[in-house]
Amino acid sequence: MRKKSNTRRLHPLPQQPSMAISSPFLLHYKKISVLVFLIIIVCLIVFLNTASRNERVSISEAPLNQLYTVEVVNEFPHDPDAFTQGLLYAENDTLFESTGMHGASSVRKVTLQTGEVKAIQKMQYSDFGEGLTLLSDRLIQITWRQSTGYIYDRHNLSKFEKFHHGMPDGWGLATDGKVLFGSDGSSTLYQIDPQTMKVVKKQIVNYQGDEVHRLNELEYVYDEVWANIWMTDCIARISHTDGSVLGWILLHNLREGLLHNLKKQIDVLNGIAWDSDGDRLFVTGKWWPKLYEIKLHRLKTPFNGDIKQICMPPAFPFS
């Protein structure tokens, strides 16, 4: 009987007094619900935008996806008879340059603004000048098809001595102030002790699993080794710790612009100089009548091309 009385009601329940004030409460509840809903929507939008932005940053900053174009900031005169093989910035708008070709090779001190050669040391006919770097007051140059080079007094280019290094050939040279980095036209990046001038480490430069051949003129920039790739308009940004390519700088517009306007013989892009104090970057080429100060811009639009085809020619069978 107790169970039945608890489950059946013979009369409707009387009207509850609280129902008279339910309408304002319900309205207030709806307002709170709408406000909470809007807050949730805003938070969701912010979260999605943040996630999307973070994804874009992680993709754009992935080392193997860094491509750069260049903006010309300044143009300076450059000796059109200089077959540039090595280039560096010293200070006070002064450059040092190594030139090649048998009978025309030299080391020279050049004024940036005018291109005037302030001092020059010509090399003997058998020497073909190549990479050049500056370590303290020692101006160090290597030669092509030899394992030899010269160390000059930067203040007096007529004072120099010959040395031997352990690379099979001499192409590019740069320094971080502690070691020398060298190239021999292959995919090998060498580290050389500047005191003994002997090779202490070798690394194979690689990009996405493939070797990067024809490393040419070198420069040490932003804690990276930058290398002209011979017979291309590309500069590879290389990690000196593991030899991986961190990014590519595309400079096709520079040479193409010269060819279009000058209509005369010029050779390939070659020559990188960095003013670390002024954070200025300079490039030129062999027999180029101009030297450019450039600024890098990360390529943000999809790249319509194959970097490996454009910037990574096959190994050259030097004899």
C-alpha atoms as a PDB file:
ATOM      1  CA  MET A   1       0.000   0.000   0.000  1.00  0.00           C
ATOM      2  CA  ARG A   2       2.888   2.344   0.691  1.00  0.00           C
ATOM      3  CA  LYS A   3       4.360   1.650  -2.733  1.00  0.00           C
ATOM      4  CA  LYS A   4       1.069   2.292  -4.462  1.00  0.00           C
ATOM      5  CA  SER A   5       0.430   5.541  -2.578  1.00  0.00           C
ATOM      6  CA  ASN A   6       3.881   6.794  -3.572  1.00  0.00           C
ATOM      7  CA  THR A   7       3.316   6.142  -7.282  1.00  0.00           C
ATOM      8  CA  ARG A   8      -0.268   7.326  -7.824  1.00  0.00           C
ATOM      9  CA  ARG A   9      -1.708  10.825  -7.430  1.00  0.00           C
ATOM     10  CA  LEU A  10      -5.494  11.272  -7.390  1.00  0.00           C
ATOM     11  CA  HIS A  11      -5.417  15.095  -7.587  1.00  0.00           C
ATOM     12  CA  PRO A  12      -3.252  17.534  -9.542  1.00  0.00           C
ATOM     13  CA  LEU A  13      -0.515  19.275  -7.650  1.00  0.00           C
ATOM     14  CA  PRO A  14      -1.343  22.755  -6.492  1.00  0.00           C
ATOM     15  CA  GLN A  15       0.314  25.743  -8.228  1.00  0.00           C
ATOM     16  CA  GLN A  16       3.716  26.520  -6.627  1.00  0.00           C
ATOM     17  CA  PRO A  17       4.291  30.118  -5.555  1.00  0.00           C
ATOM     18  CA  SER A  18       7.821  30.171  -7.041  1.00  0.00           C
ATOM     19  CA  MET A  19       6.435  29.839 -10.556  1.00  0.00           C
ATOM     20  CA  ALA A  20       5.361  33.429 -10.470  1.00  0.00           C
ATOM     21  CA  ILE A  21       8.980  34.680 -10.538  1.00  0.00           C
ATOM     22  CA  SER A  22      10.349  32.065 -12.961  1.00  0.00           C
ATOM     23  CA  SER A  23      10.133  34.293 -16.045  1.00  0.00           C
ATOM     24  CA  PRO A  24      12.752  36.893 -14.934  1.00  0.00           C
ATOM     25  CA  PHE A  25      15.009  34.103 -13.702  1.00  0.00           C
ATOM     26  CA  LEU A  26      14.673  32.282 -17.008  1.00  0.00           C
ATOM     27  CA  LEU A  27      15.511  35.461 -18.924  1.00  0.00           C
ATOM     28  CA  HIS A  28      18.602  35.995 -16.777  1.00  0.00           C
ATOM     29  CA  TYR A  29      19.636  32.379 -17.306  1.00  0.00           C
ATOM     30  CA  LYS A  30      19.298  32.736 -21.077  1.00  0.00           C
ATOM     31  CA  LYS A  31      21.465  35.851 -21.052  1.00  0.00           C
ATOM     32  CA  ILE A  32      24.188  34.041 -19.116  1.00  0.00           C
ATOM     33  CA  SER A  33      23.946  31.061 -21.476  1.00  0.00           C
ATOM     34  CA  VAL A  34      24.334  33.280 -24.543  1.00  0.00           C
ATOM     35  CA  LEU A  35      27.292  35.078 -22.970  1.00  0.00           C
ATOM     36  CA  VAL A  36      29.014  31.798 -22.086  1.00  0.00           C
ATOM     37  CA  PHE A  37      28.367  30.509 -25.602  1.00  0.00           C
ATOM     38  CA  LEU A  38      29.904  33.636 -27.156  1.00  0.00           C
ATOM     39  CA  ILE A  39      32.945  33.363 -24.869  1.00  0.00           C
ATOM     40  CA  ILE A  40      33.413  29.736 -25.925  1.00  0.00           C
ATOM     41  CA  ILE A  41      33.163  30.694 -29.623  1.00  0.00           C
ATOM     42  CA  VAL A  42      35.720  33.512 -29.209  1.00  0.00           C
ATOM     43  CA  CYS A  43      38.106  31.213 -27.346  1.00  0.00           C
ATOM     44  CA  LEU A  44      37.714  28.579 -30.035  1.00  0.00           C
ATOM     45  CA  ILE A  45      38.474  31.090 -32.803  1.00  0.00           C
ATOM     46  CA  VAL A  46      41.561  32.380 -30.958  1.00  0.00           C
ATOM     47  CA  PHE A  47      42.769  28.827 -30.397  1.00  0.00           C
ATOM     48  CA  LEU A  48      42.331  27.857 -34.035  1.00  0.00           C
ATOM     49  CA  ASN A  49      44.062  31.003 -35.264  1.00  0.00           C
ATOM     50  CA  THR A  50      46.944  30.457 -32.857  1.00  0.00           C
ATOM     51  CA  ALA A  51      47.304  26.836 -33.891  1.00  0.00           C
ATOM     52  CA  SER A  52      47.220  27.802 -37.552  1.00  0.00           C
ATOM     53  CA  ARG A  53      49.795  30.544 -36.995  1.00  0.00           C
ATOM     54  CA  ASN A  54      52.051  28.203 -35.063  1.00  0.00           C
ATOM     55  CA  GLU A  55      51.781  25.648 -37.839  1.00  0.00           C
ATOM     56  CA  ARG A  56      52.717  28.241 -40.451  1.00  0.00           C
ATOM     57  CA  VAL A  57      55.721  29.362 -38.419  1.00  0.00           C
ATOM     58  CA  SER A  58      56.936  25.827 -37.873  1.00  0.00           C
ATOM     59  CA  ILE A  59      56.625  25.066 -41.564  1.00  0.00           C
ATOM     60  CA  SER A  60      58.233  28.300 -42.762  1.00  0.00           C
ATOM     61  CA  GLU A  61      61.097  27.953 -40.301  1.00  0.00           C
ATOM     62  CA  ALA A  62      61.859  24.345 -41.136  1.00  0.00           C
ATOM     63  CA  PRO A  63      65.542  24.453 -42.208  1.00  0.00           C
ATOM     64  CA  LEU A  64      65.061  22.547 -45.448  1.00  0.00           C
ATOM     65  CA  ASN A  65      62.306  24.899 -46.619  1.00  0.00           C
ATOM     66  CA  GLN A  66      64.169  28.185 -46.309  1.00  0.00           C
ATOM     67  CA  LEU A  67      64.388  29.897 -49.690  1.00  0.00           C
ATOM     68  CA  TYR A  68      65.439  33.503 -50.108  1.00  0.00           C
ATOM     69  CA  THR A  69      65.335  36.091 -52.851  1.00  0.00           C
ATOM     70  CA  VAL A  70      67.358  39.286 -52.713  1.00  0.00           C
ATOM     71  CA  GLU A  71      66.702  42.992 -52.835  1.00  0.00           C
ATOM     72  CA  VAL A  72      69.474  45.229 -54.187  1.00  0.00           C
ATOM     73  CA  VAL A  73      70.167  47.935 -51.608  1.00  0.00           C
ATOM     74  CA  ASN A  74      73.190  49.543 -53.311  1.00  0.00           C
ATOM     75  CA  GLU A  75      75.284  49.114 -56.437  1.00  0.00           C
ATOM     76  CA  PHE A  76      79.015  49.829 -56.519  1.00  0.00           C
ATOM     77  CA  PRO A  77      81.577  49.825 -59.353  1.00  0.00           C
ATOM     78  CA  HIS A  78      83.648  46.662 -59.754  1.00  0.00           C
ATOM     79  CA  ASP A  79      86.615  46.031 -62.006  1.00  0.00           C
ATOM     80  CA  PRO A  80      85.156  44.233 -65.060  1.00  0.00           C
ATOM     81  CA  ASP A  81      88.557  42.618 -65.674  1.00  0.00           C
ATOM     82  CA  ALA A  82      88.605  41.025 -62.215  1.00  0.00           C
ATOM     83  CA  PHE A  83      87.947  37.291 -62.423  1.00  0.00           C
ATOM     84  CA  THR A  84      86.741  37.246 -58.825  1.00  0.00           C
ATOM     85  CA  GLN A  85      87.636  34.134 -56.860  1.00  0.00           C
ATOM     86  CA  GLY A  86      87.688  35.388 -53.285  1.00  0.00           C
ATOM     87  CA  LEU A  87      86.094  38.409 -51.636  1.00  0.00           C
ATOM     88  CA  LEU A  88      85.913  39.760 -48.094  1.00  0.00           C
ATOM     89  CA  TYR A  89      85.018  42.918 -46.238  1.00  0.00           C
ATOM     90  CA  ALA A  90      87.671  44.347 -43.888  1.00  0.00           C
ATOM     91  CA  GLU A  91      86.552  47.659 -42.369  1.00  0.00           C
ATOM     92  CA  ASN A  92      86.018  51.313 -43.281  1.00  0.00           C
ATOM     93  CA  ASP A  93      84.454  50.409 -46.643  1.00  0.00           C
ATOM     94  CA  THR A  94      87.501  48.390 -47.651  1.00  0.00           C
ATOM     95  CA  LEU A  95      87.407  45.066 -49.488  1.00  0.00           C
ATOM     96  CA  PHE A  96      90.104  42.507 -50.189  1.00  0.00           C
ATOM     97  CA  GLU A  97      89.760  40.472 -53.358  1.00  0.00           C
ATOM     98  CA  SER A  98      91.504  37.523 -54.972  1.00  0.00           C
ATOM     99  CA  THR A  99      91.374  37.239 -58.753  1.00  0.00           C
ATOM    100  CA  GLY A 100      92.086  34.260 -60.975  1.00  0.00           C
ATOM    101  CA  MET A 101      93.278  33.315 -64.474  1.00  0.00           C
ATOM    102  CA  HIS A 102      96.870  32.494 -65.358  1.00  0.00           C
ATOM    103  CA  GLY A 103      98.781  35.691 -65.882  1.00  0.00           C
ATOM    104  CA  ALA A 104      96.011  37.826 -64.331  1.00  0.00           C
ATOM    105  CA  SER A 105      95.795  36.463 -60.791  1.00  0.00           C
ATOM    106  CA  SER A 106      96.279  38.883 -57.915  1.00  0.00           C
ATOM    107  CA  VAL A 107      95.424  39.917 -54.401  1.00  0.00           C
ATOM    108  CA  ARG A 108      94.116  43.438 -54.120  1.00  0.00           C
ATOM    109  CA  LYS A 109      92.799  45.996 -51.668  1.00  0.00           C
ATOM    110  CA  VAL A 110      89.721  47.776 -53.026  1.00  0.00           C
ATOM    111  CA  THR A 111      87.678  50.810 -52.019  1.00  0.00           C
ATOM    112  CA  LEU A 112      84.025  49.820 -51.796  1.00  0.00           C
ATOM    113  CA  GLN A 113      82.428  53.068 -52.897  1.00  0.00           C
ATOM    114  CA  THR A 114      84.508  53.599 -56.048  1.00  0.00           C
ATOM    115  CA  GLY A 115      85.894  50.172 -56.892  1.00  0.00           C
ATOM    116  CA  GLU A 116      89.388  51.708 -56.969  1.00  0.00           C
ATOM    117  CA  VAL A 117      92.242  49.269 -56.441  1.00  0.00           C
ATOM    118  CA  LYS A 118      94.296  50.832 -53.654  1.00  0.00           C
ATOM    119  CA  ALA A 119      96.977  48.125 -53.507  1.00  0.00           C
ATOM    120  CA  ILE A 120      97.720  45.022 -55.566  1.00  0.00           C
ATOM    121  CA  GLN A 121     100.098  42.080 -55.511  1.00  0.00           C
ATOM    122  CA  LYS A 122     100.232  40.233 -58.817  1.00  0.00           C
ATOM    123  CA  MET A 123     100.928  36.515 -58.798  1.00  0.00           C
ATOM    124  CA  GLN A 124     103.290  34.519 -60.972  1.00  0.00           C
ATOM    125  CA  TYR A 125     101.869  33.057 -64.171  1.00  0.00           C
ATOM    126  CA  SER A 126     101.742  29.496 -62.861  1.00  0.00           C
ATOM    127  CA  ASP A 127      99.465  30.525 -59.973  1.00  0.00           C
ATOM    128  CA  PHE A 128      95.699  30.712 -60.386  1.00  0.00           C
ATOM    129  CA  GLY A 129      94.270  32.726 -57.494  1.00  0.00           C
ATOM    130  CA  GLU A 130      91.286  31.308 -55.609  1.00  0.00           C
ATOM    131  CA  GLY A 131      89.646  31.717 -52.167  1.00  0.00           C
ATOM    132  CA  LEU A 132      90.671  34.438 -49.741  1.00  0.00           C
ATOM    133  CA  THR A 133      90.057  35.148 -46.054  1.00  0.00           C
ATOM    134  CA  LEU A 134      91.365  37.428 -43.325  1.00  0.00           C
ATOM    135  CA  LEU A 135      92.424  36.243 -39.885  1.00  0.00           C
ATOM    136  CA  SER A 136      93.820  39.044 -37.726  1.00  0.00           C
ATOM    137  CA  ASP A 137      96.509  40.640 -39.899  1.00  0.00           C
ATOM    138  CA  ARG A 138      96.997  37.496 -42.004  1.00  0.00           C
ATOM    139  CA  LEU A 139      95.443  37.598 -45.437  1.00  0.00           C
ATOM    140  CA  ILE A 140      95.262  33.958 -46.515  1.00  0.00           C
ATOM    141  CA  GLN A 141      94.804  32.863 -50.133  1.00  0.00           C
ATOM    142  CA  ILE A 142      94.702  29.456 -51.817  1.00  0.00           C
ATOM    143  CA  THR A 143      95.412  28.522 -55.419  1.00  0.00           C
ATOM    144  CA  TRP A 144      93.663  26.333 -57.972  1.00  0.00           C
ATOM    145  CA  ARG A 145      94.805  22.801 -58.836  1.00  0.00           C
ATOM    146  CA  GLN A 146      97.404  22.936 -56.114  1.00  0.00           C
ATOM    147  CA  SER A 147      97.574  22.242 -52.405  1.00  0.00           C
ATOM    148  CA  THR A 148      99.349  25.520 -51.845  1.00  0.00           C
ATOM    149  CA  GLY A 149      98.533  29.073 -50.921  1.00  0.00           C
ATOM    150  CA  TYR A 150      99.973  32.350 -49.675  1.00  0.00           C
ATOM    151  CA  ILE A 151      99.795  34.297 -46.443  1.00  0.00           C
ATOM    152  CA  TYR A 152     100.103  38.070 -46.924  1.00  0.00           C
ATOM    153  CA  ASP A 153     100.605  40.927 -44.529  1.00  0.00           C
ATOM    154  CA  ARG A 154      97.311  42.764 -44.941  1.00  0.00           C
ATOM    155  CA  HIS A 155      99.121  46.108 -44.498  1.00  0.00           C
ATOM    156  CA  ASN A 156     101.808  45.278 -47.049  1.00  0.00           C
ATOM    157  CA  LEU A 157     100.735  42.831 -49.764  1.00  0.00           C
ATOM    158  CA  SER A 158     104.289  42.535 -51.074  1.00  0.00           C
ATOM    159  CA  LYS A 159     105.202  40.650 -47.884  1.00  0.00           C
ATOM    160  CA  PHE A 160     104.011  37.064 -48.125  1.00  0.00           C
ATOM    161  CA  GLU A 161     104.961  33.443 -47.545  1.00  0.00           C
ATOM    162  CA  LYS A 162     103.889  30.198 -49.141  1.00  0.00           C
ATOM    163  CA  PHE A 163     102.162  27.338 -47.323  1.00  0.00           C
ATOM    164  CA  HIS A 164     100.727  23.887 -48.012  1.00  0.00           C
ATOM    165  CA  HIS A 165      97.343  22.620 -46.926  1.00  0.00           C
ATOM    166  CA  GLY A 166      95.745  19.190 -47.014  1.00  0.00           C
ATOM    167  CA  MET A 167      92.960  19.818 -49.529  1.00  0.00           C
ATOM    168  CA  PRO A 168      93.338  18.144 -52.944  1.00  0.00           C
ATOM    169  CA  ASP A 169      92.549  21.466 -54.624  1.00  0.00           C
ATOM    170  CA  GLY A 170      91.931  25.077 -53.656  1.00  0.00           C
ATOM    171  CA  TRP A 171      88.606  26.827 -54.329  1.00  0.00           C
ATOM    172  CA  GLY A 172      86.999  28.697 -51.435  1.00  0.00           C
ATOM    173  CA  LEU A 173      88.228  29.935 -48.068  1.00  0.00           C
ATOM    174  CA  ALA A 174      86.558  31.545 -45.045  1.00  0.00           C
ATOM    175  CA  THR A 175      87.010  31.782 -41.285  1.00  0.00           C
ATOM    176  CA  ASP A 176      85.023  32.146 -38.081  1.00  0.00           C
ATOM    177  CA  GLY A 177      88.077  33.606 -36.368  1.00  0.00           C
ATOM    178  CA  LYS A 178      89.100  30.235 -34.961  1.00  0.00           C
ATOM    179  CA  VAL A 179      89.358  27.791 -37.858  1.00  0.00           C
ATOM    180  CA  LEU A 180      89.533  28.084 -41.634  1.00  0.00           C
ATOM    181  CA  PHE A 181      86.812  26.607 -43.826  1.00  0.00           C
ATOM    182  CA  GLY A 182      87.889  25.427 -47.269  1.00  0.00           C
ATOM    183  CA  SER A 183      86.358  23.955 -50.413  1.00  0.00           C
ATOM    184  CA  ASP A 184      87.901  22.099 -53.344  1.00  0.00           C
ATOM    185  CA  GLY A 185      85.032  22.098 -55.849  1.00  0.00           C
ATOM    186  CA  SER A 186      83.540  18.875 -54.513  1.00  0.00           C
ATOM    187  CA  SER A 187      80.863  18.348 -51.849  1.00  0.00           C
ATOM    188  CA  THR A 188      83.443  18.358 -49.050  1.00  0.00           C
ATOM    189  CA  LEU A 189      83.711  21.209 -46.581  1.00  0.00           C
ATOM    190  CA  TYR A 190      87.103  21.249 -44.860  1.00  0.00           C
ATOM    191  CA  GLN A 191      88.157  22.700 -41.535  1.00  0.00           C
ATOM    192  CA  ILE A 192      91.791  23.763 -41.340  1.00  0.00           C
ATOM    193  CA  ASP A 193      93.888  24.677 -38.326  1.00  0.00           C
ATOM    194  CA  PRO A 194      95.146  28.235 -39.027  1.00  0.00           C
ATOM    195  CA  GLN A 195      98.330  27.603 -37.067  1.00  0.00           C
ATOM    196  CA  THR A 196      99.468  24.394 -38.742  1.00  0.00           C
ATOM    197  CA  MET A 197      97.430  24.901 -41.973  1.00  0.00           C
ATOM    198  CA  LYS A 198      96.484  21.216 -41.842  1.00  0.00           C
ATOM    199  CA  VAL A 199      93.009  19.762 -42.364  1.00  0.00           C
ATOM    200  CA  VAL A 200      91.464  18.771 -39.018  1.00  0.00           C
ATOM    201  CA  LYS A 201      87.924  17.899 -40.095  1.00  0.00           C
ATOM    202  CA  LYS A 202      85.899  17.046 -43.203  1.00  0.00           C
ATOM    203  CA  GLN A 203      82.152  17.157 -43.773  1.00  0.00           C
ATOM    204  CA  ILE A 204      80.013  16.227 -46.748  1.00  0.00           C
ATOM    205  CA  VAL A 205      77.579  19.024 -47.552  1.00  0.00           C
ATOM    206  CA  ASN A 206      74.115  17.609 -48.160  1.00  0.00           C
ATOM    207  CA  TYR A 207      70.558  18.689 -48.897  1.00  0.00           C
ATOM    208  CA  GLN A 208      67.606  16.361 -48.355  1.00  0.00           C
ATOM    209  CA  GLY A 209      69.830  13.304 -48.550  1.00  0.00           C
ATOM    210  CA  ASP A 210      71.830  14.343 -51.648  1.00  0.00           C
ATOM    211  CA  GLU A 211      75.372  15.715 -51.775  1.00  0.00           C
ATOM    212  CA  VAL A 212      75.851  19.331 -52.826  1.00  0.00           C
ATOM    213  CA  HIS A 213      78.768  19.443 -55.258  1.00  0.00           C
ATOM    214  CA  ARG A 214      80.818  22.303 -56.711  1.00  0.00           C
ATOM    215  CA  LEU A 215      81.274  24.278 -53.503  1.00  0.00           C
ATOM    216  CA  ASN A 216      83.138  27.390 -54.581  1.00  0.00           C
ATOM    217  CA  GLU A 217      83.807  30.748 -52.893  1.00  0.00           C
ATOM    218  CA  LEU A 218      82.993  30.744 -49.171  1.00  0.00           C
ATOM    219  CA  GLU A 219      82.035  33.276 -46.522  1.00  0.00           C
ATOM    220  CA  TYR A 220      81.233  32.901 -42.830  1.00  0.00           C
ATOM    221  CA  VAL A 221      77.910  34.658 -42.137  1.00  0.00           C
ATOM    222  CA  TYR A 222      75.577  34.473 -39.118  1.00  0.00           C
ATOM    223  CA  ASP A 223      77.395  31.444 -37.708  1.00  0.00           C
ATOM    224  CA  GLU A 224      76.953  29.606 -41.035  1.00  0.00           C
ATOM    225  CA  VAL A 225      79.227  28.880 -43.974  1.00  0.00           C
ATOM    226  CA  TRP A 226      77.810  30.339 -47.178  1.00  0.00           C
ATOM    227  CA  ALA A 227      78.994  28.904 -50.478  1.00  0.00           C
ATOM    228  CA  ASN A 228      78.624  29.890 -54.090  1.00  0.00           C
ATOM    229  CA  ILE A 229      77.700  26.794 -56.077  1.00  0.00           C
ATOM    230  CA  TRP A 230      79.802  26.896 -59.229  1.00  0.00           C
ATOM    231  CA  MET A 231      77.876  27.341 -62.485  1.00  0.00           C
ATOM    232  CA  THR A 232      74.684  28.360 -60.676  1.00  0.00           C
ATOM    233  CA  ASP A 233      73.160  31.571 -59.345  1.00  0.00           C
ATOM    234  CA  CYS A 234      72.643  29.990 -55.932  1.00  0.00           C
ATOM    235  CA  ILE A 235      74.265  30.418 -52.546  1.00  0.00           C
ATOM    236  CA  ALA A 236      73.962  27.550 -50.073  1.00  0.00           C
ATOM    237  CA  ARG A 237      73.699  28.339 -46.371  1.00  0.00           C
ATOM    238  CA  ILE A 238      75.544  25.495 -44.668  1.00  0.00           C
ATOM    239  CA  SER A 239      75.672  24.323 -41.072  1.00  0.00           C
ATOM    240  CA  HIS A 240      79.329  23.984 -40.145  1.00  0.00           C
ATOM    241  CA  THR A 241      78.410  21.472 -37.439  1.00  0.00           C
ATOM    242  CA  ASP A 242      76.905  18.740 -39.635  1.00  0.00           C
ATOM    243  CA  GLY A 243      77.220  19.966 -43.243  1.00  0.00           C
ATOM    244  CA  SER A 244      73.471  20.204 -43.875  1.00  0.00           C
ATOM    245  CA  VAL A 245      72.134  22.964 -46.112  1.00  0.00           C
ATOM    246  CA  LEU A 246      69.953  25.270 -44.010  1.00  0.00           C
ATOM    247  CA  GLY A 247      68.636  27.323 -46.895  1.00  0.00           C
ATOM    248  CA  TRP A 248      69.170  28.625 -50.421  1.00  0.00           C
ATOM    249  CA  ILE A 249      69.646  32.185 -51.663  1.00  0.00           C
ATOM    250  CA  LEU A 250      68.481  32.688 -55.242  1.00  0.00           C
ATOM    251  CA  LEU A 251      70.269  35.460 -57.155  1.00  0.00           C
ATOM    252  CA  HIS A 252      69.263  34.774 -60.758  1.00  0.00           C
ATOM    253  CA  ASN A 253      67.954  38.318 -61.201  1.00  0.00           C
ATOM    254  CA  LEU A 254      71.422  39.830 -60.708  1.00  0.00           C
ATOM    255  CA  ARG A 255      73.249  38.046 -63.525  1.00  0.00           C
ATOM    256  CA  GLU A 256      70.223  38.135 -65.824  1.00  0.00           C
ATOM    257  CA  GLY A 257      69.951  41.895 -65.287  1.00  0.00           C
ATOM    258  CA  LEU A 258      73.620  42.392 -66.171  1.00  0.00           C
ATOM    259  CA  LEU A 259      73.338  40.273 -69.289  1.00  0.00           C
ATOM    260  CA  HIS A 260      70.261  42.180 -70.409  1.00  0.00           C
ATOM    261  CA  ASN A 261      71.716  45.640 -69.844  1.00  0.00           C
ATOM    262  CA  LEU A 262      75.394  45.140 -70.691  1.00  0.00           C
ATOM    263  CA  LYS A 263      75.243  42.605 -73.486  1.00  0.00           C
ATOM    264  CA  LYS A 264      78.876  41.685 -72.863  1.00  0.00           C
ATOM    265  CA  GLN A 265      80.755  38.701 -71.574  1.00  0.00           C
ATOM    266  CA  ILE A 266      80.478  38.051 -67.881  1.00  0.00           C
ATOM    267  CA  ASP A 267      81.040  34.819 -66.003  1.00  0.00           C
ATOM    268  CA  VAL A 268      79.293  33.210 -63.057  1.00  0.00           C
ATOM    269  CA  LEU A 269      78.279  34.619 -59.713  1.00  0.00           C
ATOM    270  CA  ASN A 270      81.240  34.329 -57.345  1.00  0.00           C
ATOM    271  CA  GLY A 271      82.170  36.423 -54.352  1.00  0.00           C
ATOM    272  CA  ILE A 272      80.443  36.912 -50.991  1.00  0.00           C
ATOM    273  CA  ALA A 273      81.540  39.514 -48.438  1.00  0.00           C
ATOM    274  CA  TRP A 274      79.901  40.257 -45.098  1.00  0.00           C
ATOM    275  CA  ASP A 275      80.305  43.391 -43.026  1.00  0.00           C
ATOM    276  CA  SER A 276      79.538  41.887 -39.620  1.00  0.00           C
ATOM    277  CA  ASP A 277      79.600  45.228 -37.785  1.00  0.00           C
ATOM    278  CA  GLY A 278      77.271  46.956 -40.222  1.00  0.00           C
ATOM    279  CA  ASP A 279      75.320  43.789 -41.043  1.00  0.00           C
ATOM    280  CA  ARG A 280      75.790  44.384 -44.751  1.00  0.00           C
ATOM    281  CA  LEU A 281      76.070  41.668 -47.373  1.00  0.00           C
ATOM    282  CA  PHE A 282      77.873  42.088 -50.700  1.00  0.00           C
ATOM    283  CA  VAL A 283      78.051  39.857 -53.775  1.00  0.00           C
ATOM    284  CA  THR A 284      79.629  40.032 -57.205  1.00  0.00           C
ATOM    285  CA  GLY A 285      80.846  37.723 -59.952  1.00  0.00           C
ATOM    286  CA  LYS A 286      83.668  36.944 -62.329  1.00  0.00           C
ATOM    287  CA  TRP A 287      84.170  39.824 -64.753  1.00  0.00           C
ATOM    288  CA  TRP A 288      81.164  41.614 -63.301  1.00  0.00           C
ATOM    289  CA  PRO A 289      81.265  45.419 -63.615  1.00  0.00           C
ATOM    290  CA  LYS A 290      79.153  45.818 -60.473  1.00  0.00           C
ATOM    291  CA  LEU A 291      79.238  44.770 -56.849  1.00  0.00           C
ATOM    292  CA  TYR A 292      75.896  44.632 -55.066  1.00  0.00           C
ATOM    293  CA  GLU A 293      74.838  45.212 -51.502  1.00  0.00           C
ATOM    294  CA  ILE A 294      71.831  42.975 -51.010  1.00  0.00           C
ATOM    295  CA  LYS A 295      69.134  42.259 -48.461  1.00  0.00           C
ATOM    296  CA  LEU A 296      67.556  38.835 -48.087  1.00  0.00           C
ATOM    297  CA  HIS A 297      63.824  38.181 -48.158  1.00  0.00           C
ATOM    298  CA  ARG A 298      62.346  34.823 -47.287  1.00  0.00           C
ATOM    299  CA  LEU A 299      60.288  33.484 -50.174  1.00  0.00           C
ATOM    300  CA  LYS A 300      56.691  33.387 -48.938  1.00  0.00           C
ATOM    301  CA  THR A 301      54.936  32.303 -52.106  1.00  0.00           C
ATOM    302  CA  PRO A 302      55.130  28.735 -53.442  1.00  0.00           C
ATOM    303  CA  PHE A 303      58.369  28.141 -55.335  1.00  0.00           C
ATOM    304  CA  ASN A 304      57.713  27.055 -58.913  1.00  0.00           C
ATOM    305  CA  GLY A 305      60.796  24.966 -59.538  1.00  0.00           C
ATOM    306  CA  ASP A 306      63.060  22.202 -58.345  1.00  0.00           C
ATOM    307  CA  ILE A 307      65.855  23.479 -56.102  1.00  0.00           C
ATOM    308  CA  LYS A 308      67.907  20.365 -56.754  1.00  0.00           C
ATOM    309  CA  GLN A 309      67.818  20.965 -60.498  1.00  0.00           C
ATOM    310  CA  ILE A 310      68.487  24.691 -60.192  1.00  0.00           C
ATOM    311  CA  CYS A 311      71.105  24.782 -57.429  1.00  0.00           C
ATOM    312  CA  MET A 312      72.668  21.319 -57.338  1.00  0.00           C
ATOM    313  CA  PRO A 313      74.555  20.434 -60.534  1.00  0.00           C
ATOM    314  CA  PRO A 314      76.217  17.026 -60.710  1.00  0.00           C
ATOM    315  CA  ALA A 315      79.780  16.448 -59.587  1.00  0.00           C
ATOM    316  CA  PHE A 316      82.279  17.673 -62.149  1.00  0.00           C
ATOM    317  CA  PRO A 317      84.919  15.146 -63.237  1.00  0.00           C
ATOM    318  CA  PHE A 318      88.002  17.300 -62.759  1.00  0.00           C
ATOM    319  CA  SER A 319      91.216  15.845 -64.046  1.00  0.00           C
END
